[in-house]
Amino acid sequence: LSALVYVPGSNDVAKATIVAIAGFASFAVGLSLFADALKRDIIAK
């Protein structure tokens, strides 16, 4: 989310591209970890 907020206001295209890629990667990994934890909780219950 912080990468999503930073990228549109950035004047440096290279830095914004790196932040956007890192933001997308952290979104994908974060969503995967969160969903896996919820799945484990449901299976345990």
All heavy atoms as atom14 arrays in JSON, in Angstrom:
{
  "sequence": "LSALVYVPGSNDVAKATIVAIAGFASFAVGLSLFADALKRDIIAK",
  "atom14_mask": [
    [1, 1, 1, 1, 1, 1, 1, 1, 0, 0, 0, 0, 0, 0],
    [1, 1, 1, 1, 1, 1, 0, 0, 0, 0, 0, 0, 0, 0],
    [1, 1, 1, 1, 1, 0, 0, 0, 0, 0, 0, 0, 0, 0],
    [1, 1, 1, 1, 1, 1, 1, 1, 0, 0, 0, 0, 0, 0],
    [1, 1, 1, 1, 1, 1, 1, 0, 0, 0, 0, 0, 0, 0],
    [1, 1, 1, 1, 1, 1, 1, 1, 1, 1, 1, 1, 0, 0],
    [1, 1, 1, 1, 1, 1, 1, 0, 0, 0, 0, 0, 0, 0],
    [1, 1, 1, 1, 1, 1, 1, 0, 0, 0, 0, 0, 0, 0],
    [1, 1, 1, 1, 0, 0, 0, 0, 0, 0, 0, 0, 0, 0],
    [1, 1, 1, 1, 1, 1, 0, 0, 0, 0, 0, 0, 0, 0],
    [1, 1, 1, 1, 1, 1, 1, 1, 0, 0, 0, 0, 0, 0],
    [1, 1, 1, 1, 1, 1, 1, 1, 0, 0, 0, 0, 0, 0],
    [1, 1, 1, 1, 1, 1, 1, 0, 0, 0, 0, 0, 0, 0],
    [1, 1, 1, 1, 1, 0, 0, 0, 0, 0, 0, 0, 0, 0],
    [1, 1, 1, 1, 1, 1, 1, 1, 1, 0, 0, 0, 0, 0],
    [1, 1, 1, 1, 1, 0, 0, 0, 0, 0, 0, 0, 0, 0],
    [1, 1, 1, 1, 1, 1, 1, 0, 0, 0, 0, 0, 0, 0],
    [1, 1, 1, 1, 1, 1, 1, 1, 0, 0, 0, 0, 0, 0],
    [1, 1, 1, 1, 1, 1, 1, 0, 0, 0, 0, 0, 0, 0],
    [1, 1, 1, 1, 1, 0, 0, 0, 0, 0, 0, 0, 0, 0],
    [1, 1, 1, 1, 1, 1, 1, 1, 0, 0, 0, 0, 0, 0],
    [1, 1, 1, 1, 1, 0, 0, 0, 0, 0, 0, 0, 0, 0],
    [1, 1, 1, 1, 0, 0, 0, 0, 0, 0, 0, 0, 0, 0],
    [1, 1, 1, 1, 1, 1, 1, 1, 1, 1, 1, 0, 0, 0],
    [1, 1, 1, 1, 1, 0, 0, 0, 0, 0, 0, 0, 0, 0],
    [1, 1, 1, 1, 1, 1, 0, 0, 0, 0, 0, 0, 0, 0],
    [1, 1, 1, 1, 1, 1, 1, 1, 1, 1, 1, 0, 0, 0],
    [1, 1, 1, 1, 1, 0, 0, 0, 0, 0, 0, 0, 0, 0],
    [1, 1, 1, 1, 1, 1, 1, 0, 0, 0, 0, 0, 0, 0],
    [1, 1, 1, 1, 0, 0, 0, 0, 0, 0, 0, 0, 0, 0],
    [1, 1, 1, 1, 1, 1, 1, 1, 0, 0, 0, 0, 0, 0],
    [1, 1, 1, 1, 1, 1, 0, 0, 0, 0, 0, 0, 0, 0],
    [1, 1, 1, 1, 1, 1, 1, 1, 0, 0, 0, 0, 0, 0],
    [1, 1, 1, 1, 1, 1, 1, 1, 1, 1, 1, 0, 0, 0],
    [1, 1, 1, 1, 1, 0, 0, 0, 0, 0, 0, 0, 0, 0],
    [1, 1, 1, 1, 1, 1, 1, 1, 0, 0, 0, 0, 0, 0],
    [1, 1, 1, 1, 1, 0, 0, 0, 0, 0, 0, 0, 0, 0],
    [1, 1, 1, 1, 1, 1, 1, 1, 0, 0, 0, 0, 0, 0],
    [1, 1, 1, 1, 1, 1, 1, 1, 1, 0, 0, 0, 0, 0],
    [1, 1, 1, 1, 1, 1, 1, 1, 1, 1, 1, 0, 0, 0],
    [1, 1, 1, 1, 1, 1, 1, 1, 0, 0, 0, 0, 0, 0],
    [1, 1, 1, 1, 1, 1, 1, 1, 0, 0, 0, 0, 0, 0],
    [1, 1, 1, 1, 1, 1, 1, 1, 0, 0, 0, 0, 0, 0],
    [1, 1, 1, 1, 1, 0, 0, 0, 0, 0, 0, 0, 0, 0],
    [1, 1, 1, 1, 1, 1, 1, 1, 1, 0, 0, 0, 0, 0]
  ],
  "atom14_positions": [
    [[0.83, -1.21, 0.0], [0.0, 0.0, 0.0], [0.86, 1.26, 0.0], [0.56, 2.22, -0.73], [-0.93, 0.0, 1.21], [-1.83, 1.21, 1.35], [-2.83, 1.28, 0.19], [-2.55, 1.2, 2.67], [0.0, 0.0, 0.0], [0.0, 0.0, 0.0], [0.0, 0.0, 0.0], [0.0, 0.0, 0.0], [0.0, 0.0, 0.0], [0.0, 0.0, 0.0]],
    [[1.94, 1.25, 0.76], [2.81, 2.43, 0.77], [3.49, 2.62, -0.58], [3.69, 3.76, -1.02], [3.85, 2.32, 1.89], [4.74, 1.27, 1.64], [0.0, 0.0, 0.0], [0.0, 0.0, 0.0], [0.0, 0.0, 0.0], [0.0, 0.0, 0.0], [0.0, 0.0, 0.0], [0.0, 0.0, 0.0], [0.0, 0.0, 0.0], [0.0, 0.0, 0.0]],
    [[3.82, 1.54, -1.27], [4.38, 1.65, -2.62], [3.35, 2.22, -3.58], [3.67, 3.04, -4.45], [4.87, 0.29, -3.11], [0.0, 0.0, 0.0], [0.0, 0.0, 0.0], [0.0, 0.0, 0.0], [0.0, 0.0, 0.0], [0.0, 0.0, 0.0], [0.0, 0.0, 0.0], [0.0, 0.0, 0.0], [0.0, 0.0, 0.0], [0.0, 0.0, 0.0]],
    [[2.1, 1.81, -3.4], [1.03, 2.32, -4.25], [0.83, 3.82, -4.05], [0.54, 4.55, -5.0], [-0.27, 1.56, -3.94], [-1.47, 1.85, -4.82], [-1.21, 1.36, -6.24], [-2.71, 1.18, -4.25], [0.0, 0.0, 0.0], [0.0, 0.0, 0.0], [0.0, 0.0, 0.0], [0.0, 0.0, 0.0], [0.0, 0.0, 0.0], [0.0, 0.0, 0.0]],
    [[1.03, 4.29, -2.84], [0.9, 5.72, -2.56], [2.11, 6.48, -3.08], [1.98, 7.6, -3.59], [0.72, 5.95, -1.04], [0.83, 7.41, -0.68], [-0.62, 5.38, -0.59], [0.0, 0.0, 0.0], [0.0, 0.0, 0.0], [0.0, 0.0, 0.0], [0.0, 0.0, 0.0], [0.0, 0.0, 0.0], [0.0, 0.0, 0.0], [0.0, 0.0, 0.0]],
    [[3.3, 5.89, -2.99], [4.54, 6.59, -3.37], [4.69, 6.76, -4.89], [5.1, 7.82, -5.36], [5.75, 5.83, -2.82], [7.07, 6.36, -3.33], [7.61, 7.51, -2.79], [7.75, 5.74, -4.37], [8.8, 8.02, -3.25], [8.94, 6.23, -4.84], [9.47, 7.37, -4.29], [10.63, 7.88, -4.76], [0.0, 0.0, 0.0], [0.0, 0.0, 0.0]],
    [[4.35, 5.73, -5.64], [4.67, 5.69, -7.07], [4.05, 6.84, -7.87], [4.75, 7.49, -8.66], [4.32, 4.32, -7.68], [4.39, 4.34, -9.2], [5.27, 3.27, -7.14], [0.0, 0.0, 0.0], [0.0, 0.0, 0.0], [0.0, 0.0, 0.0], [0.0, 0.0, 0.0], [0.0, 0.0, 0.0], [0.0, 0.0, 0.0], [0.0, 0.0, 0.0]],
    [[2.76, 7.16, -7.73], [2.2, 8.23, -8.57], [2.82, 9.61, -8.33], [2.88, 10.43, -9.24], [0.71, 8.26, -8.2], [0.43, 6.92, -7.65], [1.69, 6.5, -6.99], [0.0, 0.0, 0.0], [0.0, 0.0, 0.0], [0.0, 0.0, 0.0], [0.0, 0.0, 0.0], [0.0, 0.0, 0.0], [0.0, 0.0, 0.0], [0.0, 0.0, 0.0]],
    [[3.32, 9.87, -7.13], [3.88, 11.18, -6.84], [5.37, 11.28, -7.08], [5.97, 12.33, -6.87], [0.0, 0.0, 0.0], [0.0, 0.0, 0.0], [0.0, 0.0, 0.0], [0.0, 0.0, 0.0], [0.0, 0.0, 0.0], [0.0, 0.0, 0.0], [0.0, 0.0, 0.0], [0.0, 0.0, 0.0], [0.0, 0.0, 0.0], [0.0, 0.0, 0.0]],
    [[6.0, 10.22, -7.54], [7.44, 10.23, -7.72], [7.83, 10.88, -9.04], [7.2, 10.67, -10.08], [7.97, 8.8, -7.69], [9.36, 8.79, -7.94], [0.0, 0.0, 0.0], [0.0, 0.0, 0.0], [0.0, 0.0, 0.0], [0.0, 0.0, 0.0], [0.0, 0.0, 0.0], [0.0, 0.0, 0.0], [0.0, 0.0, 0.0], [0.0, 0.0, 0.0]],
    [[8.89, 11.68, -9.01], [9.41, 12.31, -10.22], [10.49, 11.48, -10.88], [10.79, 11.66, -12.05], [9.97, 13.69, -9.88], [8.86, 14.64, -9.48], [7.72, 14.51, -9.92], [9.19, 15.6, -8.62], [0.0, 0.0, 0.0], [0.0, 0.0, 0.0], [0.0, 0.0, 0.0], [0.0, 0.0, 0.0], [0.0, 0.0, 0.0], [0.0, 0.0, 0.0]],
    [[11.1, 10.59, -10.13], [12.17, 9.74, -10.64], [11.57, 8.44, -11.17], [11.07, 7.61, -10.41], [13.18, 9.45, -9.52], [14.42, 8.74, -10.03], [14.58, 8.62, -11.26], [15.23, 8.32, -9.18], [0.0, 0.0, 0.0], [0.0, 0.0, 0.0], [0.0, 0.0, 0.0], [0.0, 0.0, 0.0], [0.0, 0.0, 0.0], [0.0, 0.0, 0.0]],
    [[11.61, 8.26, -12.49], [10.94, 7.12, -13.12], [11.61, 5.8, -12.73], [10.92, 4.8, -12.46], [10.93, 7.29, -14.66], [10.34, 6.08, -15.33], [10.17, 8.54, -15.04], [0.0, 0.0, 0.0], [0.0, 0.0, 0.0], [0.0, 0.0, 0.0], [0.0, 0.0, 0.0], [0.0, 0.0, 0.0], [0.0, 0.0, 0.0], [0.0, 0.0, 0.0]],
    [[12.92, 5.78, -12.66], [13.62, 4.53, -12.34], [13.3, 4.08, -10.91], [13.0, 2.91, -10.67], [15.12, 4.71, -12.51], [0.0, 0.0, 0.0], [0.0, 0.0, 0.0], [0.0, 0.0, 0.0], [0.0, 0.0, 0.0], [0.0, 0.0, 0.0], [0.0, 0.0, 0.0], [0.0, 0.0, 0.0], [0.0, 0.0, 0.0], [0.0, 0.0, 0.0]],
    [[13.34, 5.03, -9.98], [13.03, 4.69, -8.59], [11.57, 4.28, -8.46], [11.25, 3.34, -7.73], [13.32, 5.88, -7.68], [13.24, 5.54, -6.21], [13.41, 6.75, -5.32], [14.8, 7.3, -5.38], [15.02, 8.4, -4.42], [0.0, 0.0, 0.0], [0.0, 0.0, 0.0], [0.0, 0.0, 0.0], [0.0, 0.0, 0.0], [0.0, 0.0, 0.0]],
    [[10.68, 4.95, -9.15], [9.26, 4.59, -9.09], [9.01, 3.21, -9.66], [8.17, 2.46, -9.15], [8.43, 5.63, -9.85], [0.0, 0.0, 0.0], [0.0, 0.0, 0.0], [0.0, 0.0, 0.0], [0.0, 0.0, 0.0], [0.0, 0.0, 0.0], [0.0, 0.0, 0.0], [0.0, 0.0, 0.0], [0.0, 0.0, 0.0], [0.0, 0.0, 0.0]],
    [[9.74, 2.84, -10.71], [9.6, 1.5, -11.28], [10.06, 0.43, -10.31], [9.38, -0.6, -10.15], [10.4, 1.41, -12.59], [9.96, 2.43, -13.48], [10.22, 0.06, -13.24], [0.0, 0.0, 0.0], [0.0, 0.0, 0.0], [0.0, 0.0, 0.0], [0.0, 0.0, 0.0], [0.0, 0.0, 0.0], [0.0, 0.0, 0.0], [0.0, 0.0, 0.0]],
    [[11.17, 0.67, -9.65], [11.68, -0.29, -8.67], [10.71, -0.43, -7.5], [10.41, -1.54, -7.05], [13.08, 0.13, -8.19], [14.08, 0.01, -9.33], [13.53, -0.7, -6.99], [15.43, 0.62, -9.04], [0.0, 0.0, 0.0], [0.0, 0.0, 0.0], [0.0, 0.0, 0.0], [0.0, 0.0, 0.0], [0.0, 0.0, 0.0], [0.0, 0.0, 0.0]],
    [[10.19, 0.69, -7.03], [9.24, 0.66, -5.92], [7.95, -0.04, -6.35], [7.36, -0.81, -5.58], [8.96, 2.09, -5.39], [7.8, 2.1, -4.42], [10.21, 2.65, -4.75], [0.0, 0.0, 0.0], [0.0, 0.0, 0.0], [0.0, 0.0, 0.0], [0.0, 0.0, 0.0], [0.0, 0.0, 0.0], [0.0, 0.0, 0.0], [0.0, 0.0, 0.0]],
    [[7.5, 0.18, -7.56], [6.29, -0.48, -8.06], [6.47, -1.99, -8.14], [5.59, -2.76, -7.76], [5.9, 0.09, -9.42], [0.0, 0.0, 0.0], [0.0, 0.0, 0.0], [0.0, 0.0, 0.0], [0.0, 0.0, 0.0], [0.0, 0.0, 0.0], [0.0, 0.0, 0.0], [0.0, 0.0, 0.0], [0.0, 0.0, 0.0], [0.0, 0.0, 0.0]],
    [[7.63, -2.43, -8.63], [7.9, -3.87, -8.71], [7.98, -4.48, -7.32], [7.41, -5.55, -7.06], [9.18, -4.12, -9.52], [8.96, -3.75, -10.98], [9.64, -5.56, -9.39], [10.22, -3.71, -11.8], [0.0, 0.0, 0.0], [0.0, 0.0, 0.0], [0.0, 0.0, 0.0], [0.0, 0.0, 0.0], [0.0, 0.0, 0.0], [0.0, 0.0, 0.0]],
    [[8.66, -3.81, -6.41], [8.76, -4.31, -5.03], [7.39, -4.31, -4.36], [7.06, -5.23, -3.6], [9.74, -3.45, -4.24], [0.0, 0.0, 0.0], [0.0, 0.0, 0.0], [0.0, 0.0, 0.0], [0.0, 0.0, 0.0], [0.0, 0.0, 0.0], [0.0, 0.0, 0.0], [0.0, 0.0, 0.0], [0.0, 0.0, 0.0], [0.0, 0.0, 0.0]],
    [[6.58, -3.31, -4.65], [5.23, -3.25, -4.1], [4.36, -4.38, -4.6], [3.61, -5.0, -3.84], [0.0, 0.0, 0.0], [0.0, 0.0, 0.0], [0.0, 0.0, 0.0], [0.0, 0.0, 0.0], [0.0, 0.0, 0.0], [0.0, 0.0, 0.0], [0.0, 0.0, 0.0], [0.0, 0.0, 0.0], [0.0, 0.0, 0.0], [0.0, 0.0, 0.0]],
    [[4.46, -4.69, -5.89], [3.68, -5.8, -6.44], [4.14, -7.12, -5.84], [3.32, -7.97, -5.49], [3.8, -5.84, -7.96], [3.08, -7.0, -8.57], [1.7, -6.99, -8.66], [3.77, -8.1, -9.01], [1.02, -8.06, -9.2], [3.11, -9.18, -9.56], [1.72, -9.16, -9.67], [0.0, 0.0, 0.0], [0.0, 0.0, 0.0], [0.0, 0.0, 0.0]],
    [[5.45, -7.3, -5.71], [5.96, -8.54, -5.13], [5.53, -8.7, -3.68], [5.11, -9.78, -3.26], [7.49, -8.58, -5.24], [0.0, 0.0, 0.0], [0.0, 0.0, 0.0], [0.0, 0.0, 0.0], [0.0, 0.0, 0.0], [0.0, 0.0, 0.0], [0.0, 0.0, 0.0], [0.0, 0.0, 0.0], [0.0, 0.0, 0.0], [0.0, 0.0, 0.0]],
    [[5.6, -7.62, -2.91], [5.18, -7.72, -1.51], [3.68, -7.93, -1.4], [3.21, -8.62, -0.49], [5.63, -6.5, -0.71], [5.05, -5.33, -1.21], [0.0, 0.0, 0.0], [0.0, 0.0, 0.0], [0.0, 0.0, 0.0], [0.0, 0.0, 0.0], [0.0, 0.0, 0.0], [0.0, 0.0, 0.0], [0.0, 0.0, 0.0], [0.0, 0.0, 0.0]],
    [[2.9, -7.38, -2.32], [1.45, -7.63, -2.33], [1.17, -9.12, -2.58], [0.38, -9.74, -1.88], [0.76, -6.77, -3.39], [-0.69, -7.09, -3.56], [-1.61, -6.65, -2.62], [-1.14, -7.83, -4.63], [-2.95, -6.95, -2.76], [-2.47, -8.13, -4.79], [-3.39, -7.68, -3.85], [0.0, 0.0, 0.0], [0.0, 0.0, 0.0], [0.0, 0.0, 0.0]],
    [[1.85, -9.68, -3.58], [1.61, -11.09, -3.92], [2.02, -12.01, -2.78], [1.28, -12.92, -2.41], [2.37, -11.44, -5.2], [0.0, 0.0, 0.0], [0.0, 0.0, 0.0], [0.0, 0.0, 0.0], [0.0, 0.0, 0.0], [0.0, 0.0, 0.0], [0.0, 0.0, 0.0], [0.0, 0.0, 0.0], [0.0, 0.0, 0.0], [0.0, 0.0, 0.0]],
    [[3.19, -11.77, -2.2], [3.67, -12.63, -1.11], [2.82, -12.43, 0.14], [2.46, -13.39, 0.83], [5.16, -12.35, -0.82], [5.62, -13.07, 0.43], [6.0, -12.75, -2.01], [0.0, 0.0, 0.0], [0.0, 0.0, 0.0], [0.0, 0.0, 0.0], [0.0, 0.0, 0.0], [0.0, 0.0, 0.0], [0.0, 0.0, 0.0], [0.0, 0.0, 0.0]],
    [[2.47, -11.18, 0.45], [1.65, -10.9, 1.63], [0.28, -11.53, 1.53], [-0.22, -12.11, 2.5], [0.0, 0.0, 0.0], [0.0, 0.0, 0.0], [0.0, 0.0, 0.0], [0.0, 0.0, 0.0], [0.0, 0.0, 0.0], [0.0, 0.0, 0.0], [0.0, 0.0, 0.0], [0.0, 0.0, 0.0], [0.0, 0.0, 0.0], [0.0, 0.0, 0.0]],
    [[-0.33, -11.43, 0.38], [-1.65, -12.04, 0.19], [-1.57, -13.55, 0.28], [-2.43, -14.2, 0.88], [-2.22, -11.61, -1.16], [-3.7, -11.86, -1.39], [-4.53, -11.11, -0.37], [-4.08, -11.42, -2.79], [0.0, 0.0, 0.0], [0.0, 0.0, 0.0], [0.0, 0.0, 0.0], [0.0, 0.0, 0.0], [0.0, 0.0, 0.0], [0.0, 0.0, 0.0]],
    [[-0.51, -14.12, -0.27], [-0.33, -15.57, -0.2], [-0.13, -16.05, 1.24], [-0.74, -17.04, 1.66], [0.87, -15.97, -1.06], [1.15, -17.33, -0.9], [0.0, 0.0, 0.0], [0.0, 0.0, 0.0], [0.0, 0.0, 0.0], [0.0, 0.0, 0.0], [0.0, 0.0, 0.0], [0.0, 0.0, 0.0], [0.0, 0.0, 0.0], [0.0, 0.0, 0.0]],
    [[0.7, -15.36, 2.01], [0.92, -15.74, 3.41], [-0.34, -15.6, 4.24], [-0.68, -16.46, 5.05], [2.03, -14.88, 4.02], [3.45, -15.25, 3.68], [4.42, -14.21, 4.22], [3.79, -16.61, 4.24], [0.0, 0.0, 0.0], [0.0, 0.0, 0.0], [0.0, 0.0, 0.0], [0.0, 0.0, 0.0], [0.0, 0.0, 0.0], [0.0, 0.0, 0.0]],
    [[-1.06, -14.5, 4.04], [-2.28, -14.26, 4.8], [-3.33, -15.32, 4.48], [-3.97, -15.88, 5.38], [-2.82, -12.85, 4.5], [-3.93, -12.43, 5.41], [-3.66, -12.07, 6.71], [-5.23, -12.4, 4.96], [-4.68, -11.68, 7.56], [-6.26, -12.01, 5.8], [-5.98, -11.66, 7.1], [0.0, 0.0, 0.0], [0.0, 0.0, 0.0], [0.0, 0.0, 0.0]],
    [[-3.5, -15.64, 3.2], [-4.48, -16.65, 2.8], [-4.08, -18.04, 3.31], [-4.95, -18.81, 3.75], [-4.62, -16.67, 1.28], [0.0, 0.0, 0.0], [0.0, 0.0, 0.0], [0.0, 0.0, 0.0], [0.0, 0.0, 0.0], [0.0, 0.0, 0.0], [0.0, 0.0, 0.0], [0.0, 0.0, 0.0], [0.0, 0.0, 0.0], [0.0, 0.0, 0.0]],
    [[-2.8, -18.36, 3.28], [-2.35, -19.66, 3.78], [-2.58, -19.78, 5.28], [-2.97, -20.84, 5.77], [-0.87, -19.87, 3.45], [-0.42, -21.29, 3.66], [-1.2, -22.21, 3.35], [0.72, -21.48, 4.14], [0.0, 0.0, 0.0], [0.0, 0.0, 0.0], [0.0, 0.0, 0.0], [0.0, 0.0, 0.0], [0.0, 0.0, 0.0], [0.0, 0.0, 0.0]],
    [[-2.35, -18.7, 6.03], [-2.6, -18.73, 7.47], [-4.09, -18.91, 7.75], [-4.46, -19.68, 8.65], [-2.09, -17.44, 8.12], [0.0, 0.0, 0.0], [0.0, 0.0, 0.0], [0.0, 0.0, 0.0], [0.0, 0.0, 0.0], [0.0, 0.0, 0.0], [0.0, 0.0, 0.0], [0.0, 0.0, 0.0], [0.0, 0.0, 0.0], [0.0, 0.0, 0.0]],
    [[-4.94, -18.24, 7.01], [-6.38, -18.42, 7.2], [-6.8, -19.84, 6.85], [-7.64, -20.44, 7.54], [-7.15, -17.41, 6.36], [-7.09, -15.97, 6.83], [-7.88, -15.08, 5.88], [-7.6, -15.82, 8.23], [0.0, 0.0, 0.0], [0.0, 0.0, 0.0], [0.0, 0.0, 0.0], [0.0, 0.0, 0.0], [0.0, 0.0, 0.0], [0.0, 0.0, 0.0]],
    [[-6.23, -20.4, 5.8], [-6.54, -21.78, 5.42], [-6.14, -22.75, 6.52], [-6.89, -23.66, 6.87], [-5.83, -22.13, 4.12], [-6.07, -23.56, 3.65], [-5.2, -23.89, 2.46], [-3.79, -24.05, 2.97], [-2.84, -24.54, 2.02], [0.0, 0.0, 0.0], [0.0, 0.0, 0.0], [0.0, 0.0, 0.0], [0.0, 0.0, 0.0], [0.0, 0.0, 0.0]],
    [[-4.96, -22.54, 7.11], [-4.52, -23.41, 8.2], [-5.44, -23.29, 9.41], [-5.72, -24.3, 10.08], [-3.08, -23.06, 8.6], [-2.06, -23.47, 7.59], [-0.69, -22.95, 8.0], [0.29, -23.18, 6.98], [1.27, -24.08, 7.1], [1.38, -24.81, 8.19], [2.12, -24.24, 6.13], [0.0, 0.0, 0.0], [0.0, 0.0, 0.0], [0.0, 0.0, 0.0]],
    [[-5.9, -22.09, 9.72], [-6.84, -21.92, 10.83], [-8.14, -22.65, 10.58], [-8.68, -23.31, 11.47], [-7.13, -20.43, 11.06], [-6.01, -19.72, 11.79], [-5.16, -20.4, 12.39], [-6.01, -18.48, 11.76], [0.0, 0.0, 0.0], [0.0, 0.0, 0.0], [0.0, 0.0, 0.0], [0.0, 0.0, 0.0], [0.0, 0.0, 0.0], [0.0, 0.0, 0.0]],
    [[-8.66, -22.55, 9.37], [-9.92, -23.23, 9.04], [-9.76, -24.74, 9.12], [-10.62, -25.44, 9.69], [-10.42, -22.79, 7.65], [-10.86, -21.33, 7.69], [-11.55, -23.68, 7.17], [-11.14, -20.73, 6.34], [0.0, 0.0, 0.0], [0.0, 0.0, 0.0], [0.0, 0.0, 0.0], [0.0, 0.0, 0.0], [0.0, 0.0, 0.0], [0.0, 0.0, 0.0]],
    [[-8.66, -25.26, 8.59], [-8.42, -26.7, 8.64], [-8.27, -27.16, 10.09], [-8.78, -28.23, 10.48], [-7.2, -27.08, 7.79], [-7.52, -26.89, 6.31], [-6.73, -28.5, 8.08], [-6.34, -27.04, 5.4], [0.0, 0.0, 0.0], [0.0, 0.0, 0.0], [0.0, 0.0, 0.0], [0.0, 0.0, 0.0], [0.0, 0.0, 0.0], [0.0, 0.0, 0.0]],
    [[-7.59, -26.39, 10.92], [-7.43, -26.75, 12.33], [-8.78, -26.76, 13.05], [-9.05, -27.64, 13.87], [-6.46, -25.79, 13.02], [0.0, 0.0, 0.0], [0.0, 0.0, 0.0], [0.0, 0.0, 0.0], [0.0, 0.0, 0.0], [0.0, 0.0, 0.0], [0.0, 0.0, 0.0], [0.0, 0.0, 0.0], [0.0, 0.0, 0.0], [0.0, 0.0, 0.0]],
    [[-9.63, -25.77, 12.76], [-10.94, -25.73, 13.41], [-11.82, -26.88, 12.95], [-12.54, -27.47, 13.75], [-11.63, -24.4, 13.11], [-11.03, -23.25, 13.87], [-11.7, -21.95, 13.54], [-11.0, -20.8, 14.23], [-11.55, -19.51, 13.85], [0.0, 0.0, 0.0], [0.0, 0.0, 0.0], [0.0, 0.0, 0.0], [0.0, 0.0, 0.0], [0.0, 0.0, 0.0]]
  ]
}
